[in-house]
Every structure is written in C-alpha cells, then in structure tokens.
Amino acid sequence: MELNLTNIWDKVFPKDENVNQQKVTFKNRYGITLVGDLYTPKKMEKKNMALSICGPFGAVKEQASGLYAQEMAKRGFVCLAFDPSFTGESLGEPRYMASPDINTEDFMASVDYLSTLDFVDSNKISIIGICGWGGLALNTACLDTRIKVTICSTMYDMSRVNANGYFDAADNEDARYEMKKALNEQRIKDYLSSSYERAGGVVDPLPEDAPFFVKDYYDYYKTKRGYHKRSLNSNEGWNKIGCMSFINQPINNYTNEIRSAVLIMHGDKAHSCYFSKDAYTKMIKDSHYKENKELLLIPNAVHTDLYDQVNIIPFDYMEEFIRKYN
C-alpha cells in the first residue's frame, strides 16, 4: 500500500485563515506510516507547547480531531490531528483493524514526532483523545511519562464496551462466550474468502425506534454535519473482527499511577457518561497524585456535542488547564 494524500481541504469544518495547516507523516514503532494534519498559529514562539489529538474511534482527522486541532492552534498551540494505523490516510494492512497496543503506540509515536520539531518545546507536549480515543489517551498517559497533560473528551473505554456491551448489559460469561464464538466463526469465513467482512458503520436508514444514542451518532456521521468518505463510522465500519482483541486486553489498568495532569470531560446527558465517571473514580482511588486530576461534567450536553459544537466544547478551559500544568 502506498501513500495517497489528499491536498485539498476536505474537512467537515471550515478552514480558519488564522491557522496554518499542512499534511505530515511519521512512523510508529511497528514501522507503520501515520498521516496527520499539523495546525500551527500564524504567529509562533521559538518554542511552543504542542498537542497530539485523535478520535473519535472510527473517525478520521478531517472530523472532530481536526476541529479540536484548529481551535487549539488558534489559542497558540502546535497541534497534530492524525489518523490511527489501518485507517484514513495512514498506512497499515489489513485495513480497518484496531488494537489496544498499536493504537496506544500511535499516540506515543505522535509524541515522538512532535518532540523532533524545532519549534516545539519537547518538554511541553500534551494529548487529547475524543470518544474511544479518550480511553486510549488515558491508557497512553499510564505509559508515556513525557506527556504533560491528558484530556479525555466524551470518552469510551473500548475494552469495556467490547467485553461488556453498551451499559454493561452483556457483562457475563455466557454473553461473552457467544460473542467470542461468533467472532471466531467469522475468522474462518474471512480466512476462506481472503477478505474481511465489514461490521457496518452507523445504521442507515435510521430505524424509527432507534435509541437516542444511535440517533445522536446518525446526526453526526450520516449527515453533512460530520459525514466523511474515509470515516469508518460514516460508511462500512470496522472489520467484524477488527476490535476483537479489546475483549480480553483491558486498558487503563494503572491510571491511579498517572503523575501528570488529566482532565476528563463529558456531557452529563451523554449515554456514555458512565465511562468518564468510572474512569475518574478509578484514577483517583488510592492515588498519590489527585491534585492535578479533574472530572468536568458539561450540563445538558450529549455525546456528539463534544465532537463539533464549539459553543459547548470548553476550549478556553482546556487551554487554561493545559497551561496551568505545563
């Protein structure tokens, strides 16, 4: 597979003329070439604070992560929004696979890259993870001591939701056994066909009796608000076996040992808010580093409000938090 980079502005949000943007590439420790958009302020210092941003899970950098990057670049940060391995413009085969290990490494590789830029202060690099990448950002903070601040926005714990189902409704041995049985049968089908069957992105057409959180996703991924041709969630989704390893490879095991600052923020009306509340509780339990940890619940906000609603996403507070702990 070769790089095929798009040089036109194909984001789902308008370009801000106060920010510069360029396509960049870097490699993770598995040798996979990742592609990102680097957003920089028009006026920079000799050495600048930097942010690496990714998510949501199944999205591309032309969606929410790029919007976050552009907004934070307006506030003076060098910002990298990137596509994870096997997705978007990044390389990695087979396509449309996910891995708790490789995806955590993707974040760490982005820190490697930012650390090499002449105009970045390598001692002042932070990360932002959105949705499923919020959980992966927290997992990265457990491992990467270089990260100054971690922000988790409208986060999912991908290991928990894959193993337990939504709202932990399938958190029992029999349910997990049947799910694993089906996935292993799918592996044989894929092997025989020499291809990977896709799981499907956000359901379309939308059933009238769909639960609110499905409608919430539809309103973002399937409408002009957030649809993108390279987004898995907007189209055919992950491979059916693409997220299988999350089932028995839990992330965020050592969050109460994170010494750097962490801000977990979530809409209090989001179906997914329990992920953030539980992650925060676990992070501060028996921790010696509670003072720089915060849970910020945003009144009346639902899950996708924190994807693109710039009047709801607390960008000013995010800037304040990052600068405070750098």
Protein backbone atom coordinates (compact mmCIF):
# COMPACT_ATOMS: atom_id res chain seq x y z
CA MET A 1 0.00 0.00 0.00
CA GLU A 2 1.30 3.44 -0.94
CA LEU A 3 0.54 6.84 0.50
CA ASN A 4 -2.23 8.66 -1.31
CA LEU A 5 -2.53 12.05 0.33
CA THR A 6 -5.32 14.49 -0.32
CA ASN A 7 -4.04 18.02 -0.77
CA ILE A 8 -7.38 19.80 -0.94
CA TRP A 9 -9.30 20.99 2.13
CA ASP A 10 -11.76 18.13 2.66
CA LYS A 11 -12.57 18.64 6.35
CA VAL A 12 -16.13 18.67 7.67
CA PHE A 13 -15.46 22.07 9.28
CA PRO A 14 -14.50 25.39 7.66
CA LYS A 15 -10.87 26.44 7.40
CA ASP A 16 -9.78 29.19 9.77
CA GLU A 17 -7.49 31.64 8.00
CA ASN A 18 -5.77 32.46 11.30
CA VAL A 19 -4.21 28.99 11.36
CA ASN A 20 -1.71 27.28 9.06
CA GLN A 21 -2.26 23.63 8.13
CA GLN A 22 -0.04 21.09 6.39
CA LYS A 23 -0.03 17.34 5.83
CA VAL A 24 2.73 15.43 7.67
CA THR A 25 3.80 11.80 8.10
CA PHE A 26 5.57 9.88 10.85
CA LYS A 27 6.13 6.23 11.80
CA ASN A 28 5.24 4.25 14.89
CA ARG A 29 7.50 1.59 16.40
CA TYR A 30 5.84 -1.09 14.25
CA GLY A 31 7.01 0.73 11.13
CA ILE A 32 3.52 1.88 10.14
CA THR A 33 3.43 5.29 8.48
CA LEU A 34 0.83 7.56 10.04
CA VAL A 35 -0.59 10.65 8.37
CA GLY A 36 -1.60 13.77 10.20
CA ASP A 37 -2.58 17.39 9.73
CA LEU A 38 -0.30 19.80 11.55
CA TYR A 39 -2.08 23.00 12.60
CA THR A 40 0.09 25.92 13.69
CA PRO A 41 -0.66 29.50 14.76
CA LYS A 42 0.12 32.26 12.27
CA LYS A 43 2.44 33.73 14.88
CA MET A 44 4.57 31.31 16.86
CA GLU A 45 7.19 31.50 19.54
CA LYS A 46 10.61 29.92 19.02
CA LYS A 47 9.46 27.01 21.18
CA ASN A 48 5.76 26.20 21.53
CA MET A 49 3.52 23.91 23.53
CA ALA A 50 2.18 21.08 21.40
CA LEU A 51 -0.87 18.83 21.36
CA SER A 52 -1.48 15.48 19.70
CA ILE A 53 -5.17 14.80 19.04
CA CYS A 54 -7.05 11.72 17.87
CA GLY A 55 -10.57 10.34 17.74
CA PRO A 56 -13.37 9.57 17.79
CA PHE A 57 -12.99 5.81 17.42
CA GLY A 58 -13.77 5.04 13.79
CA ALA A 59 -13.48 8.67 12.69
CA VAL A 60 -10.75 10.43 10.68
CA LYS A 61 -8.67 13.54 11.23
CA GLU A 62 -10.94 15.51 8.90
CA GLN A 63 -13.69 15.26 11.52
CA ALA A 64 -13.63 16.08 15.25
CA SER A 65 -9.89 15.76 15.93
CA GLY A 66 -9.08 18.23 13.17
CA LEU A 67 -11.62 20.70 14.53
CA TYR A 68 -10.06 20.43 18.00
CA ALA A 69 -6.60 20.90 16.48
CA GLN A 70 -7.60 24.02 14.57
CA GLU A 71 -9.37 25.53 17.58
CA MET A 72 -6.42 24.90 19.89
CA ALA A 73 -3.94 26.20 17.29
CA LYS A 74 -5.89 29.48 17.36
CA ARG A 75 -5.02 29.56 21.05
CA GLY A 76 -1.29 29.30 20.39
CA PHE A 77 -0.60 25.55 20.38
CA VAL A 78 1.11 23.46 17.71
CA CYS A 79 -1.49 20.75 17.09
CA LEU A 80 -1.29 17.41 15.33
CA ALA A 81 -4.51 15.60 14.37
CA PHE A 82 -3.71 12.15 12.97
CA ASP A 83 -5.32 9.04 11.51
CA PRO A 84 -4.63 5.87 13.51
CA SER A 85 -2.95 2.82 11.98
CA PHE A 86 -5.04 0.95 9.39
CA THR A 87 -7.49 3.82 8.89
CA GLY A 88 -7.91 7.06 6.96
CA GLU A 89 -4.83 8.16 5.04
CA SER A 90 -2.47 6.30 7.39
CA LEU A 91 -0.96 3.05 6.21
CA GLY A 92 -1.10 -0.40 7.79
CA GLU A 93 -2.60 -3.60 6.46
CA PRO A 94 -5.00 -5.25 6.67
CA ARG A 95 -7.22 -2.20 6.68
CA TYR A 96 -9.81 -1.32 9.32
CA MET A 97 -8.26 -3.17 12.24
CA ALA A 98 -7.91 -1.82 15.78
CA SER A 99 -5.56 -2.80 18.59
CA PRO A 100 -5.24 -1.57 22.17
CA ASP A 101 -1.47 -1.95 21.84
CA ILE A 102 -0.91 -0.47 18.38
CA ASN A 103 -3.36 2.37 18.91
CA THR A 104 -1.68 3.33 22.18
CA GLU A 105 1.61 3.22 20.30
CA ASP A 106 0.12 5.55 17.65
CA PHE A 107 -0.31 8.21 20.33
CA MET A 108 3.22 7.65 21.64
CA ALA A 109 4.63 7.87 18.11
CA SER A 110 2.89 11.21 17.64
CA VAL A 111 4.70 12.45 20.74
CA ASP A 112 7.97 11.19 19.21
CA TYR A 113 7.24 13.20 16.08
CA LEU A 114 6.26 16.41 17.84
CA SER A 115 9.37 16.17 20.03
CA THR A 116 11.60 16.43 16.93
CA LEU A 117 10.12 19.69 15.60
CA ASP A 118 12.41 22.68 16.06
CA PHE A 119 9.52 24.97 17.00
CA VAL A 120 8.09 22.62 19.67
CA ASP A 121 9.17 22.54 23.31
CA SER A 122 9.66 18.80 23.76
CA ASN A 123 9.04 19.20 27.50
CA LYS A 124 5.57 20.65 26.91
CA ILE A 125 3.65 18.09 24.85
CA SER A 126 0.10 17.04 25.77
CA ILE A 127 -2.56 14.83 24.20
CA ILE A 128 -6.32 14.98 23.62
CA GLY A 129 -8.39 11.87 22.93
CA ILE A 130 -12.01 12.02 21.80
CA CYS A 131 -14.59 9.25 22.35
CA GLY A 132 -12.83 5.85 22.17
CA TRP A 133 -9.55 7.67 21.81
CA GLY A 134 -10.25 9.32 25.14
CA GLY A 135 -9.82 5.93 26.76
CA LEU A 136 -6.73 5.27 24.65
CA ALA A 137 -5.32 8.67 25.62
CA LEU A 138 -5.70 7.74 29.26
CA ASN A 139 -4.00 4.41 28.53
CA THR A 140 -1.16 6.29 26.85
CA ALA A 141 -0.76 8.55 29.88
CA CYS A 142 -0.25 5.42 32.01
CA LEU A 143 2.78 4.54 29.89
CA ASP A 144 4.26 7.74 28.44
CA THR A 145 5.95 9.90 31.09
CA ARG A 146 6.70 12.62 28.52
CA ILE A 147 3.06 13.72 28.36
CA LYS A 148 2.36 16.81 30.45
CA VAL A 149 -1.44 16.89 30.23
CA THR A 150 -4.03 14.40 29.01
CA ILE A 151 -7.55 15.48 28.09
CA CYS A 152 -10.24 12.85 27.56
CA SER A 153 -13.33 14.20 25.82
CA THR A 154 -16.67 12.32 25.77
CA MET A 155 -14.64 9.14 26.32
CA TYR A 156 -15.37 5.47 25.73
CA ASP A 157 -13.41 2.63 27.32
CA MET A 158 -13.14 0.41 24.23
CA SER A 159 -12.13 -2.67 26.19
CA ARG A 160 -15.12 -2.33 28.48
CA VAL A 161 -17.69 -1.74 25.76
CA ASN A 162 -16.33 -4.58 23.61
CA ALA A 163 -16.27 -7.03 26.51
CA ASN A 164 -19.46 -5.95 28.29
CA GLY A 165 -21.61 -4.33 25.64
CA TYR A 166 -23.35 -0.97 25.99
CA PHE A 167 -24.21 -0.06 29.58
CA ASP A 168 -22.54 -3.35 30.67
CA ALA A 169 -25.69 -5.21 29.57
CA ALA A 170 -23.65 -8.23 28.39
CA ASP A 171 -21.25 -8.37 31.32
CA ASN A 172 -21.49 -12.11 31.95
CA GLU A 173 -19.61 -15.23 30.94
CA ASP A 174 -22.30 -16.68 28.68
CA ALA A 175 -22.76 -13.48 26.69
CA ARG A 176 -19.02 -13.09 26.19
CA TYR A 177 -18.69 -16.74 25.18
CA GLU A 178 -21.35 -16.42 22.49
CA MET A 179 -19.80 -13.20 21.21
CA LYS A 180 -16.33 -14.76 21.02
CA LYS A 181 -17.78 -17.87 19.37
CA ALA A 182 -19.36 -15.73 16.63
CA LEU A 183 -16.16 -13.77 16.11
CA ASN A 184 -14.09 -16.92 15.77
CA GLU A 185 -16.55 -18.30 13.24
CA GLN A 186 -16.18 -15.04 11.35
CA ARG A 187 -12.41 -15.51 11.32
CA ILE A 188 -12.83 -18.76 9.35
CA LYS A 189 -15.16 -17.06 6.86
CA ASP A 190 -12.66 -14.26 6.39
CA TYR A 191 -9.78 -16.70 6.01
CA LEU A 192 -11.60 -18.71 3.34
CA SER A 193 -12.61 -15.60 1.40
CA SER A 194 -9.20 -13.91 1.77
CA SER A 195 -11.03 -10.74 2.76
CA TYR A 196 -12.54 -9.15 5.84
CA GLU A 197 -16.26 -8.66 6.21
CA ARG A 198 -17.15 -5.20 7.48
CA ALA A 199 -19.35 -4.70 10.51
CA GLY A 200 -21.17 -1.67 9.13
CA GLY A 201 -20.89 1.89 10.35
CA VAL A 202 -23.71 3.90 11.89
CA VAL A 203 -27.03 2.31 10.88
CA ASP A 204 -28.62 3.83 7.77
CA PRO A 205 -31.53 4.24 7.22
CA LEU A 206 -32.24 5.12 10.80
CA PRO A 207 -34.99 2.99 12.36
CA GLU A 208 -37.84 4.93 13.91
CA ASP A 209 -37.40 3.08 17.18
CA ALA A 210 -33.63 3.60 17.35
CA PRO A 211 -32.39 4.56 20.85
CA PHE A 212 -31.31 8.16 21.31
CA PHE A 213 -27.56 7.43 21.26
CA VAL A 214 -27.92 5.80 17.81
CA LYS A 215 -29.81 8.87 16.58
CA ASP A 216 -27.07 11.01 18.11
CA TYR A 217 -24.40 9.18 16.09
CA TYR A 218 -26.53 9.31 12.93
CA ASP A 219 -26.91 13.07 13.23
CA TYR A 220 -23.13 13.43 13.15
CA TYR A 221 -21.74 10.66 10.96
CA LYS A 222 -24.50 10.30 8.39
CA THR A 223 -25.38 13.94 7.69
CA LYS A 224 -23.43 16.81 6.17
CA ARG A 225 -22.63 17.88 9.72
CA GLY A 226 -19.95 15.19 10.03
CA TYR A 227 -20.03 12.73 7.12
CA HIS A 228 -16.65 11.95 5.56
CA LYS A 229 -15.90 9.45 2.82
CA ARG A 230 -12.89 7.99 4.67
CA SER A 231 -14.63 7.70 8.04
CA LEU A 232 -15.41 4.13 9.10
CA ASN A 233 -18.39 5.23 11.16
CA SER A 234 -19.80 7.17 8.21
CA ASN A 235 -19.50 4.16 5.91
CA GLU A 236 -18.93 0.38 6.25
CA GLY A 237 -17.37 0.42 9.71
CA TRP A 238 -14.58 -1.70 11.14
CA ASN A 239 -13.95 -5.27 10.09
CA LYS A 240 -16.24 -7.57 12.07
CA ILE A 241 -13.18 -8.99 13.83
CA GLY A 242 -11.38 -5.63 13.85
CA CYS A 243 -11.83 -4.84 17.54
CA MET A 244 -11.70 -8.42 18.82
CA SER A 245 -8.51 -8.02 20.85
CA PHE A 246 -10.11 -5.37 23.08
CA ILE A 247 -12.31 -8.05 24.67
CA ASN A 248 -9.56 -9.60 26.80
CA GLN A 249 -6.88 -6.90 26.69
CA PRO A 250 -8.13 -4.30 29.17
CA ILE A 251 -6.75 -0.78 29.00
CA ASN A 252 -6.29 1.77 31.80
CA ASN A 253 -5.13 -0.71 34.43
CA TYR A 254 -2.71 1.71 36.10
CA THR A 255 -4.46 5.05 35.82
CA ASN A 256 -4.10 5.72 39.56
CA GLU A 257 -0.33 5.83 38.98
CA ILE A 258 -0.51 8.65 36.42
CA ARG A 259 1.51 11.53 37.83
CA SER A 260 0.82 14.07 35.09
CA ALA A 261 -2.34 16.17 34.86
CA VAL A 262 -5.57 14.68 33.50
CA LEU A 263 -8.83 16.39 32.60
CA ILE A 264 -11.77 14.09 31.84
CA MET A 265 -14.73 15.97 30.38
CA HIS A 266 -18.13 14.69 29.37
CA GLY A 267 -21.64 15.88 28.69
CA ASP A 268 -23.85 14.97 31.64
CA LYS A 269 -26.67 13.91 29.28
CA ALA A 270 -24.45 11.67 27.17
CA HIS A 271 -25.28 7.96 27.10
CA SER A 272 -21.55 7.34 27.56
CA CYS A 273 -21.04 9.50 30.63
CA TYR A 274 -20.63 6.46 32.87
CA PHE A 275 -17.30 5.70 31.19
CA SER A 276 -15.84 9.03 32.30
CA LYS A 277 -17.32 8.94 35.79
CA ASP A 278 -15.97 5.44 36.41
CA ALA A 279 -12.60 6.21 34.83
CA TYR A 280 -12.17 9.25 37.08
CA THR A 281 -13.14 7.28 40.21
CA LYS A 282 -10.66 4.56 39.34
CA MET A 283 -7.93 7.08 38.51
CA ILE A 284 -8.02 8.84 41.86
CA LYS A 285 -8.58 5.73 44.01
CA ASP A 286 -5.50 5.23 46.21
CA SER A 287 -3.64 7.74 44.03
CA HIS A 288 -0.84 9.92 45.39
CA TYR A 289 -1.42 12.41 42.54
CA LYS A 290 -5.05 13.53 42.85
CA GLU A 291 -4.48 17.28 42.90
CA ASN A 292 -3.95 17.58 39.15
CA LYS A 293 -6.89 15.36 38.15
CA GLU A 294 -10.33 16.70 37.28
CA LEU A 295 -13.72 15.47 36.08
CA LEU A 296 -15.65 18.17 34.23
CA LEU A 297 -19.31 17.43 33.53
CA ILE A 298 -20.87 19.75 30.96
CA PRO A 299 -24.54 20.47 31.68
CA ASN A 300 -27.14 19.25 29.18
CA ALA A 301 -24.55 18.10 26.62
CA VAL A 302 -24.95 14.76 24.79
CA HIS A 303 -22.18 12.57 23.40
CA THR A 304 -21.63 14.14 19.97
CA ASP A 305 -21.97 17.71 21.27
CA LEU A 306 -18.31 17.36 22.24
CA TYR A 307 -17.42 16.35 18.68
CA ASP A 308 -18.11 19.68 17.00
CA GLN A 309 -20.26 22.11 18.97
CA VAL A 310 -17.73 24.87 19.54
CA ASN A 311 -20.12 26.76 21.81
CA ILE A 312 -20.31 23.70 24.11
CA ILE A 313 -16.79 22.26 23.97
CA PRO A 314 -14.86 24.14 26.72
CA PHE A 315 -11.86 25.14 24.61
CA ASP A 316 -10.99 28.09 26.83
CA TYR A 317 -10.97 25.93 29.93
CA MET A 318 -8.92 23.28 28.12
CA GLU A 319 -6.33 25.93 27.29
CA GLU A 320 -6.31 27.14 30.90
CA PHE A 321 -5.86 23.58 32.21
CA ILE A 322 -3.03 22.77 29.82
CA ARG A 323 -1.15 25.98 30.54
CA LYS A 324 -1.60 25.53 34.28
CA TYR A 325 0.16 22.17 34.28
CA ASN A 326 2.93 22.92 31.78
